[in-house]
Amino acid sequence: MPEGPSIVILKEAVIPFTGKKVIDVAGYAKIDLERIRNKKVIAFKSWGKHFLICFPGFTIRIHLLMFGTYRINEKKNSNPALHLQFDNGELNFYTCSVRIIEEPLDEVYDWSADVLNEHWDPAKAMAKLKKIPDTLVADALLNQDIFAGSGNIIKNEVLFRIRVHPASKVGNLPLKKKRELVKEAVNYSFDFLEWKKEYKLREHWLAHTKKICPRCHIPFIKEYMGTTNRRTFYCPNCQVLY
């Protein structure tokens, strides 16, 4: 599943289509495709893992789910969920969720919850964590209402950075560790964004998919953990269970 930084990269890549008219539209998405035809894109936005194509009066929301992909100015050998043709190129989205948002985006999205948004508010994240003391930190970091854009890579790397065992409960974390959790969720997301642009993200993984802890030089444990049941990699020695 593409995480927030990957969606920001997509948003930046499609800037040339801003202000352009959709001259053709197709795809198997169950929305009113004709509503898009001949409409001008007024903006591209992102919230967490949601890619937003803004038109006058409505927005198309793309969620790439677990296996979704996109192509800019090229096609795959499969039918797209949504194809948008402009006079200067095309956008194609595959194996994804496509829906129309009628409401103003400020009524739909809490921009202060997006770890990469300029309106990110760490105090609000701390307040939300306080309300879920029995939640595993492994699940908390995947909670999009708290850390929009954070995904499994970010979860594993952040917990390794701050030396917290993923099975720790939020309510058991010392205040200092909660603050570290919130701070590093943002710090790592921006590192992720930079490394992804340089095509060097995997080179910087310390825990995700790794077999040996680079600090302790002992085997990592791989476990499917929490209500999200996502792959979790952690060191049983240096990551403290609270």
C-alpha atoms as a PDB file:
ATOM      1  CA  MET A   1       0.000   0.000   0.000  1.00  0.00           C
ATOM      2  CA  PRO A   2       1.536   3.356  -1.015  1.00  0.00           C
ATOM      3  CA  GLU A   3       2.158   5.499   2.056  1.00  0.00           C
ATOM      4  CA  GLY A   4       1.697   9.241   2.385  1.00  0.00           C
ATOM      5  CA  PRO A   5       5.075  10.275   0.955  1.00  0.00           C
ATOM      6  CA  SER A   6       4.417   8.302  -2.240  1.00  0.00           C
ATOM      7  CA  ILE A   7       1.120  10.138  -2.700  1.00  0.00           C
ATOM      8  CA  VAL A   8       2.881  13.485  -2.235  1.00  0.00           C
ATOM      9  CA  ILE A   9       5.304  12.458  -4.993  1.00  0.00           C
ATOM     10  CA  LEU A  10       2.335  11.660  -7.251  1.00  0.00           C
ATOM     11  CA  LYS A  11       0.757  15.032  -6.440  1.00  0.00           C
ATOM     12  CA  GLU A  12       3.943  16.836  -7.406  1.00  0.00           C
ATOM     13  CA  ALA A  13       4.369  14.808 -10.601  1.00  0.00           C
ATOM     14  CA  VAL A  14       0.955  15.764 -12.003  1.00  0.00           C
ATOM     15  CA  ILE A  15       1.296  19.521 -11.521  1.00  0.00           C
ATOM     16  CA  PRO A  16       1.481  20.046 -15.333  1.00  0.00           C
ATOM     17  CA  PHE A  17      -2.186  18.966 -15.564  1.00  0.00           C
ATOM     18  CA  THR A  18      -3.384  21.688 -13.181  1.00  0.00           C
ATOM     19  CA  GLY A  19      -5.811  23.978 -15.006  1.00  0.00           C
ATOM     20  CA  LYS A  20      -6.126  21.528 -17.897  1.00  0.00           C
ATOM     21  CA  LYS A  21      -9.425  20.254 -19.281  1.00  0.00           C
ATOM     22  CA  VAL A  22     -10.266  16.548 -19.305  1.00  0.00           C
ATOM     23  CA  ILE A  23     -10.882  15.901 -22.999  1.00  0.00           C
ATOM     24  CA  ASP A  24     -11.576  12.189 -22.565  1.00  0.00           C
ATOM     25  CA  VAL A  25     -12.408   9.923 -19.646  1.00  0.00           C
ATOM     26  CA  ALA A  26     -12.823   6.161 -19.313  1.00  0.00           C
ATOM     27  CA  GLY A  27     -12.461   3.313 -16.829  1.00  0.00           C
ATOM     28  CA  TYR A  28     -14.409   0.754 -14.847  1.00  0.00           C
ATOM     29  CA  ALA A  29     -14.803   2.907 -11.725  1.00  0.00           C
ATOM     30  CA  LYS A  30     -18.427   3.041 -10.613  1.00  0.00           C
ATOM     31  CA  ILE A  31     -18.818   6.791 -10.762  1.00  0.00           C
ATOM     32  CA  ASP A  32     -20.423   9.183 -13.251  1.00  0.00           C
ATOM     33  CA  LEU A  33     -17.510   9.437 -15.668  1.00  0.00           C
ATOM     34  CA  GLU A  34     -19.304  11.863 -17.957  1.00  0.00           C
ATOM     35  CA  ARG A  35     -19.426  14.356 -15.135  1.00  0.00           C
ATOM     36  CA  ILE A  36     -15.654  14.707 -15.498  1.00  0.00           C
ATOM     37  CA  ARG A  37     -15.551  15.206 -19.246  1.00  0.00           C
ATOM     38  CA  ASN A  38     -14.631  18.759 -20.317  1.00  0.00           C
ATOM     39  CA  LYS A  39     -14.059  19.833 -16.717  1.00  0.00           C
ATOM     40  CA  LYS A  40     -10.876  21.634 -15.712  1.00  0.00           C
ATOM     41  CA  VAL A  41      -8.705  20.388 -12.879  1.00  0.00           C
ATOM     42  CA  ILE A  42      -8.431  23.264 -10.421  1.00  0.00           C
ATOM     43  CA  ALA A  43      -5.997  21.552  -8.018  1.00  0.00           C
ATOM     44  CA  PHE A  44      -4.356  18.314  -6.969  1.00  0.00           C
ATOM     45  CA  LYS A  45      -4.209  17.623  -3.240  1.00  0.00           C
ATOM     46  CA  SER A  46      -3.367  14.788  -0.907  1.00  0.00           C
ATOM     47  CA  TRP A  47      -4.466  13.722   2.537  1.00  0.00           C
ATOM     48  CA  GLY A  48      -2.599  10.789   3.978  1.00  0.00           C
ATOM     49  CA  LYS A  49      -2.984   7.982   1.458  1.00  0.00           C
ATOM     50  CA  HIS A  50      -5.758   9.757  -0.475  1.00  0.00           C
ATOM     51  CA  PHE A  51      -4.973  11.426  -3.809  1.00  0.00           C
ATOM     52  CA  LEU A  52      -7.463  14.186  -4.598  1.00  0.00           C
ATOM     53  CA  ILE A  53      -8.299  15.595  -8.026  1.00  0.00           C
ATOM     54  CA  CYS A  54     -10.288  18.797  -7.542  1.00  0.00           C
ATOM     55  CA  PHE A  55     -12.837  20.026 -10.073  1.00  0.00           C
ATOM     56  CA  PRO A  56     -15.304  22.900  -9.721  1.00  0.00           C
ATOM     57  CA  GLY A  57     -17.976  21.658  -7.291  1.00  0.00           C
ATOM     58  CA  PHE A  58     -16.614  18.135  -6.646  1.00  0.00           C
ATOM     59  CA  THR A  59     -13.459  16.096  -6.073  1.00  0.00           C
ATOM     60  CA  ILE A  60     -12.318  12.688  -7.302  1.00  0.00           C
ATOM     61  CA  ARG A  61     -10.707  10.673  -4.500  1.00  0.00           C
ATOM     62  CA  ILE A  62      -8.232   7.951  -5.457  1.00  0.00           C
ATOM     63  CA  HIS A  63      -7.127   5.379  -2.877  1.00  0.00           C
ATOM     64  CA  LEU A  64      -4.559   2.925  -4.234  1.00  0.00           C
ATOM     65  CA  LEU A  65      -5.404   0.321  -1.569  1.00  0.00           C
ATOM     66  CA  MET A  66      -2.923  -2.562  -1.226  1.00  0.00           C
ATOM     67  CA  PHE A  67      -1.953  -3.142  -4.858  1.00  0.00           C
ATOM     68  CA  GLY A  68      -3.028  -0.031  -6.746  1.00  0.00           C
ATOM     69  CA  THR A  69      -0.739   1.670  -9.255  1.00  0.00           C
ATOM     70  CA  TYR A  70      -0.760   4.660 -11.566  1.00  0.00           C
ATOM     71  CA  ARG A  71       0.876   5.685 -14.811  1.00  0.00           C
ATOM     72  CA  ILE A  72       1.552   9.202 -16.076  1.00  0.00           C
ATOM     73  CA  ASN A  73       1.631   9.581 -19.860  1.00  0.00           C
ATOM     74  CA  GLU A  74       1.688   5.830 -20.378  1.00  0.00           C
ATOM     75  CA  LYS A  75      -0.570   2.789 -20.002  1.00  0.00           C
ATOM     76  CA  LYS A  76      -0.361  -0.702 -18.534  1.00  0.00           C
ATOM     77  CA  ASN A  77      -1.608  -3.801 -20.348  1.00  0.00           C
ATOM     78  CA  SER A  78      -4.807  -3.803 -18.303  1.00  0.00           C
ATOM     79  CA  ASN A  79      -7.948  -1.749 -18.056  1.00  0.00           C
ATOM     80  CA  PRO A  80      -7.669   1.282 -15.785  1.00  0.00           C
ATOM     81  CA  ALA A  81     -10.143   2.069 -13.050  1.00  0.00           C
ATOM     82  CA  LEU A  82      -9.865   5.660 -14.247  1.00  0.00           C
ATOM     83  CA  HIS A  83      -8.308   7.164 -17.351  1.00  0.00           C
ATOM     84  CA  LEU A  84      -8.069  10.934 -17.742  1.00  0.00           C
ATOM     85  CA  GLN A  85      -6.908  12.386 -21.048  1.00  0.00           C
ATOM     86  CA  PHE A  86      -5.639  15.949 -21.312  1.00  0.00           C
ATOM     87  CA  ASP A  87      -4.274  17.837 -24.288  1.00  0.00           C
ATOM     88  CA  ASN A  88      -0.796  17.571 -22.760  1.00  0.00           C
ATOM     89  CA  GLY A  89      -0.860  13.980 -21.535  1.00  0.00           C
ATOM     90  CA  GLU A  90      -2.827  11.384 -19.588  1.00  0.00           C
ATOM     91  CA  LEU A  91      -3.315   9.863 -16.134  1.00  0.00           C
ATOM     92  CA  ASN A  92      -4.209   6.220 -15.538  1.00  0.00           C
ATOM     93  CA  PHE A  93      -5.082   4.578 -12.217  1.00  0.00           C
ATOM     94  CA  TYR A  94      -5.270   0.798 -11.727  1.00  0.00           C
ATOM     95  CA  THR A  95      -6.649  -1.563  -9.061  1.00  0.00           C
ATOM     96  CA  CYS A  96      -7.789   1.269  -6.853  1.00  0.00           C
ATOM     97  CA  SER A  97     -10.820   2.796  -5.193  1.00  0.00           C
ATOM     98  CA  VAL A  98     -12.360   5.766  -6.990  1.00  0.00           C
ATOM     99  CA  ARG A  99     -15.152   7.856  -5.538  1.00  0.00           C
ATOM    100  CA  ILE A 100     -16.616  11.332  -5.840  1.00  0.00           C
ATOM    101  CA  ILE A 101     -16.596  13.716  -2.897  1.00  0.00           C
ATOM    102  CA  GLU A 102     -19.365  16.299  -3.082  1.00  0.00           C
ATOM    103  CA  GLU A 103     -18.603  18.228   0.099  1.00  0.00           C
ATOM    104  CA  PRO A 104     -15.903  20.895   0.461  1.00  0.00           C
ATOM    105  CA  LEU A 105     -12.672  19.126   1.376  1.00  0.00           C
ATOM    106  CA  ASP A 106     -12.264  21.173   4.537  1.00  0.00           C
ATOM    107  CA  GLU A 107     -15.436  19.530   5.799  1.00  0.00           C
ATOM    108  CA  VAL A 108     -14.197  16.040   4.952  1.00  0.00           C
ATOM    109  CA  TYR A 109     -10.543  16.105   5.982  1.00  0.00           C
ATOM    110  CA  ASP A 110      -8.704  17.084   9.130  1.00  0.00           C
ATOM    111  CA  TRP A 111      -5.557  18.501   7.555  1.00  0.00           C
ATOM    112  CA  SER A 112      -3.906  18.725  10.969  1.00  0.00           C
ATOM    113  CA  ALA A 113      -3.816  14.898  11.088  1.00  0.00           C
ATOM    114  CA  ASP A 114      -1.696  14.548   7.925  1.00  0.00           C
ATOM    115  CA  VAL A 115       1.928  13.967   8.931  1.00  0.00           C
ATOM    116  CA  LEU A 116       3.190  15.710   5.776  1.00  0.00           C
ATOM    117  CA  ASN A 117       0.741  18.604   5.710  1.00  0.00           C
ATOM    118  CA  GLU A 118       1.761  22.115   6.663  1.00  0.00           C
ATOM    119  CA  HIS A 119      -1.163  22.186   9.100  1.00  0.00           C
ATOM    120  CA  TRP A 120       0.001  19.072  11.002  1.00  0.00           C
ATOM    121  CA  ASP A 121      -0.676  19.530  14.735  1.00  0.00           C
ATOM    122  CA  PRO A 122       1.366  17.356  17.139  1.00  0.00           C
ATOM    123  CA  ALA A 123      -0.712  18.497  20.122  1.00  0.00           C
ATOM    124  CA  LYS A 124      -3.841  17.067  18.520  1.00  0.00           C
ATOM    125  CA  ALA A 125      -2.036  13.780  17.864  1.00  0.00           C
ATOM    126  CA  MET A 126      -1.016  13.612  21.523  1.00  0.00           C
ATOM    127  CA  ALA A 127      -4.609  14.271  22.609  1.00  0.00           C
ATOM    128  CA  LYS A 128      -5.907  11.506  20.322  1.00  0.00           C
ATOM    129  CA  LEU A 129      -3.339   9.045  21.665  1.00  0.00           C
ATOM    130  CA  LYS A 130      -4.481   9.812  25.195  1.00  0.00           C
ATOM    131  CA  LYS A 131      -7.949   8.560  24.271  1.00  0.00           C
ATOM    132  CA  ILE A 132      -6.715   5.094  23.194  1.00  0.00           C
ATOM    133  CA  PRO A 133      -4.558   3.844  26.097  1.00  0.00           C
ATOM    134  CA  ASP A 134      -5.231   0.143  25.403  1.00  0.00           C
ATOM    135  CA  THR A 135      -4.217   0.317  21.741  1.00  0.00           C
ATOM    136  CA  LEU A 136      -0.919  -1.226  20.660  1.00  0.00           C
ATOM    137  CA  VAL A 137       1.540   1.329  19.340  1.00  0.00           C
ATOM    138  CA  ALA A 138       1.802  -0.830  16.208  1.00  0.00           C
ATOM    139  CA  ASP A 139      -1.889  -0.129  15.565  1.00  0.00           C
ATOM    140  CA  ALA A 140      -1.755   3.502  16.683  1.00  0.00           C
ATOM    141  CA  LEU A 141       0.842   4.371  14.055  1.00  0.00           C
ATOM    142  CA  LEU A 142      -1.436   2.949  11.357  1.00  0.00           C
ATOM    143  CA  ASN A 143      -4.472   4.892  12.601  1.00  0.00           C
ATOM    144  CA  GLN A 144      -5.165   7.381   9.813  1.00  0.00           C
ATOM    145  CA  ASP A 145      -7.242   9.612  12.083  1.00  0.00           C
ATOM    146  CA  ILE A 146      -4.088  10.243  14.116  1.00  0.00           C
ATOM    147  CA  PHE A 147      -1.222   9.760  11.637  1.00  0.00           C
ATOM    148  CA  ALA A 148      -2.705  10.182   8.158  1.00  0.00           C
ATOM    149  CA  GLY A 149      -0.198   8.901   5.625  1.00  0.00           C
ATOM    150  CA  SER A 150       1.672   6.613   8.000  1.00  0.00           C
ATOM    151  CA  GLY A 151       1.912   3.036   6.773  1.00  0.00           C
ATOM    152  CA  ASN A 152       3.659  -0.189   7.625  1.00  0.00           C
ATOM    153  CA  ILE A 153       7.147   0.931   6.620  1.00  0.00           C
ATOM    154  CA  ILE A 154       6.837   4.100   8.670  1.00  0.00           C
ATOM    155  CA  LYS A 155       5.454   2.092  11.605  1.00  0.00           C
ATOM    156  CA  ASN A 156       8.362  -0.348  11.692  1.00  0.00           C
ATOM    157  CA  GLU A 157      11.046   2.261  11.188  1.00  0.00           C
ATOM    158  CA  VAL A 158       9.652   4.761  13.698  1.00  0.00           C
ATOM    159  CA  LEU A 159       9.333   2.162  16.459  1.00  0.00           C
ATOM    160  CA  PHE A 160      12.896   1.014  15.811  1.00  0.00           C
ATOM    161  CA  ARG A 161      14.169   4.595  15.883  1.00  0.00           C
ATOM    162  CA  ILE A 162      12.571   5.319  19.258  1.00  0.00           C
ATOM    163  CA  ARG A 163      13.381   1.842  20.672  1.00  0.00           C
ATOM    164  CA  VAL A 164       9.771   0.902  21.465  1.00  0.00           C
ATOM    165  CA  HIS A 165       8.431  -2.642  21.187  1.00  0.00           C
ATOM    166  CA  PRO A 166       5.411  -2.701  18.818  1.00  0.00           C
ATOM    167  CA  ALA A 167       3.290  -4.629  21.344  1.00  0.00           C
ATOM    168  CA  SER A 168       3.565  -1.804  23.883  1.00  0.00           C
ATOM    169  CA  LYS A 169       0.252  -0.197  24.763  1.00  0.00           C
ATOM    170  CA  VAL A 170      -0.095   3.521  24.135  1.00  0.00           C
ATOM    171  CA  GLY A 171      -1.199   4.172  27.703  1.00  0.00           C
ATOM    172  CA  ASN A 172       1.916   2.500  29.092  1.00  0.00           C
ATOM    173  CA  LEU A 173       4.345   4.727  27.229  1.00  0.00           C
ATOM    174  CA  PRO A 174       6.099   7.394  29.298  1.00  0.00           C
ATOM    175  CA  LEU A 175       5.175  10.922  28.207  1.00  0.00           C
ATOM    176  CA  LYS A 176       8.647  11.392  26.740  1.00  0.00           C
ATOM    177  CA  LYS A 177       8.198   8.309  24.546  1.00  0.00           C
ATOM    178  CA  LYS A 178       4.769   9.448  23.348  1.00  0.00           C
ATOM    179  CA  ARG A 179       6.306  12.735  22.280  1.00  0.00           C
ATOM    180  CA  GLU A 180       9.094  10.862  20.502  1.00  0.00           C
ATOM    181  CA  LEU A 181       6.509   8.704  18.751  1.00  0.00           C
ATOM    182  CA  VAL A 182       4.654  11.752  17.424  1.00  0.00           C
ATOM    183  CA  LYS A 183       7.835  13.589  16.463  1.00  0.00           C
ATOM    184  CA  GLU A 184       9.461  10.664  14.666  1.00  0.00           C
ATOM    185  CA  ALA A 185       6.292   9.775  12.762  1.00  0.00           C
ATOM    186  CA  VAL A 186       6.719  13.131  11.047  1.00  0.00           C
ATOM    187  CA  ASN A 187      10.518  13.094  10.847  1.00  0.00           C
ATOM    188  CA  TYR A 188      10.617   9.662   9.253  1.00  0.00           C
ATOM    189  CA  SER A 189       7.809  10.555   6.828  1.00  0.00           C
ATOM    190  CA  PHE A 190       9.866  13.458   5.487  1.00  0.00           C
ATOM    191  CA  ASP A 191      12.974  11.252   5.339  1.00  0.00           C
ATOM    192  CA  PHE A 192      10.873   8.679   3.451  1.00  0.00           C
ATOM    193  CA  LEU A 193       9.792  11.396   1.007  1.00  0.00           C
ATOM    194  CA  GLU A 194      13.366  12.521   0.355  1.00  0.00           C
ATOM    195  CA  TRP A 195      14.748   8.995  -0.020  1.00  0.00           C
ATOM    196  CA  LYS A 196      11.854   7.907  -2.239  1.00  0.00           C
ATOM    197  CA  LYS A 197      12.534  10.800  -4.612  1.00  0.00           C
ATOM    198  CA  GLU A 198      16.165   9.708  -4.766  1.00  0.00           C
ATOM    199  CA  TYR A 199      15.142   6.040  -5.375  1.00  0.00           C
ATOM    200  CA  LYS A 200      17.102   5.124  -2.231  1.00  0.00           C
ATOM    201  CA  LEU A 201      14.338   4.331   0.251  1.00  0.00           C
ATOM    202  CA  ARG A 202      15.181   0.647   0.693  1.00  0.00           C
ATOM    203  CA  GLU A 203      18.840   1.464   1.271  1.00  0.00           C
ATOM    204  CA  HIS A 204      17.855   3.336   4.423  1.00  0.00           C
ATOM    205  CA  TRP A 205      15.607   0.702   6.003  1.00  0.00           C
ATOM    206  CA  LEU A 206      16.917  -0.315   9.402  1.00  0.00           C
ATOM    207  CA  ALA A 207      14.102  -2.622  10.513  1.00  0.00           C
ATOM    208  CA  HIS A 208      11.488  -3.095   7.792  1.00  0.00           C
ATOM    209  CA  THR A 209      12.005  -6.524   6.120  1.00  0.00           C
ATOM    210  CA  LYS A 210      15.411  -6.842   7.814  1.00  0.00           C
ATOM    211  CA  LYS A 211      16.689 -10.019   9.486  1.00  0.00           C
ATOM    212  CA  ILE A 212      19.388  -8.690  11.829  1.00  0.00           C
ATOM    213  CA  CYS A 213      19.215  -5.737  14.221  1.00  0.00           C
ATOM    214  CA  PRO A 214      21.938  -3.228  13.237  1.00  0.00           C
ATOM    215  CA  ARG A 215      22.264  -2.139  16.872  1.00  0.00           C
ATOM    216  CA  CYS A 216      22.333  -5.469  18.706  1.00  0.00           C
ATOM    217  CA  HIS A 217      23.427  -7.782  15.867  1.00  0.00           C
ATOM    218  CA  ILE A 218      20.815 -10.373  16.800  1.00  0.00           C
ATOM    219  CA  PRO A 219      17.882 -11.640  14.718  1.00  0.00           C
ATOM    220  CA  PHE A 220      14.845  -9.445  14.308  1.00  0.00           C
ATOM    221  CA  ILE A 221      11.467 -10.983  15.070  1.00  0.00           C
ATOM    222  CA  LYS A 222       8.895 -10.923  12.291  1.00  0.00           C
ATOM    223  CA  GLU A 223       5.318 -11.062  13.504  1.00  0.00           C
ATOM    224  CA  TYR A 224       1.841 -10.221  12.230  1.00  0.00           C
ATOM    225  CA  MET A 225       0.637  -8.040  15.034  1.00  0.00           C
ATOM    226  CA  GLY A 226      -2.354  -6.083  16.331  1.00  0.00           C
ATOM    227  CA  THR A 227      -5.826  -5.584  14.924  1.00  0.00           C
ATOM    228  CA  THR A 228      -4.277  -4.498  11.628  1.00  0.00           C
ATOM    229  CA  ASN A 229      -2.334  -7.805  11.405  1.00  0.00           C
ATOM    230  CA  ARG A 230       0.438  -6.190   9.381  1.00  0.00           C
ATOM    231  CA  ARG A 231       4.013  -7.425   9.079  1.00  0.00           C
ATOM    232  CA  THR A 232       6.016  -6.163  12.017  1.00  0.00           C
ATOM    233  CA  PHE A 233       9.785  -6.338  12.396  1.00  0.00           C
ATOM    234  CA  TYR A 234      11.379  -5.591  15.757  1.00  0.00           C
ATOM    235  CA  CYS A 235      14.372  -6.297  17.964  1.00  0.00           C
ATOM    236  CA  PRO A 236      13.476  -8.105  21.204  1.00  0.00           C
ATOM    237  CA  ASN A 237      16.507  -6.626  22.913  1.00  0.00           C
ATOM    238  CA  CYS A 238      16.687  -2.872  22.211  1.00  0.00           C
ATOM    239  CA  GLN A 239      12.979  -2.184  21.636  1.00  0.00           C
ATOM    240  CA  VAL A 240      11.437  -1.897  25.079  1.00  0.00           C
ATOM    241  CA  LEU A 241       8.057  -3.440  25.870  1.00  0.00           C
ATOM    242  CA  TYR A 242       6.064  -0.994  27.998  1.00  0.00           C
END
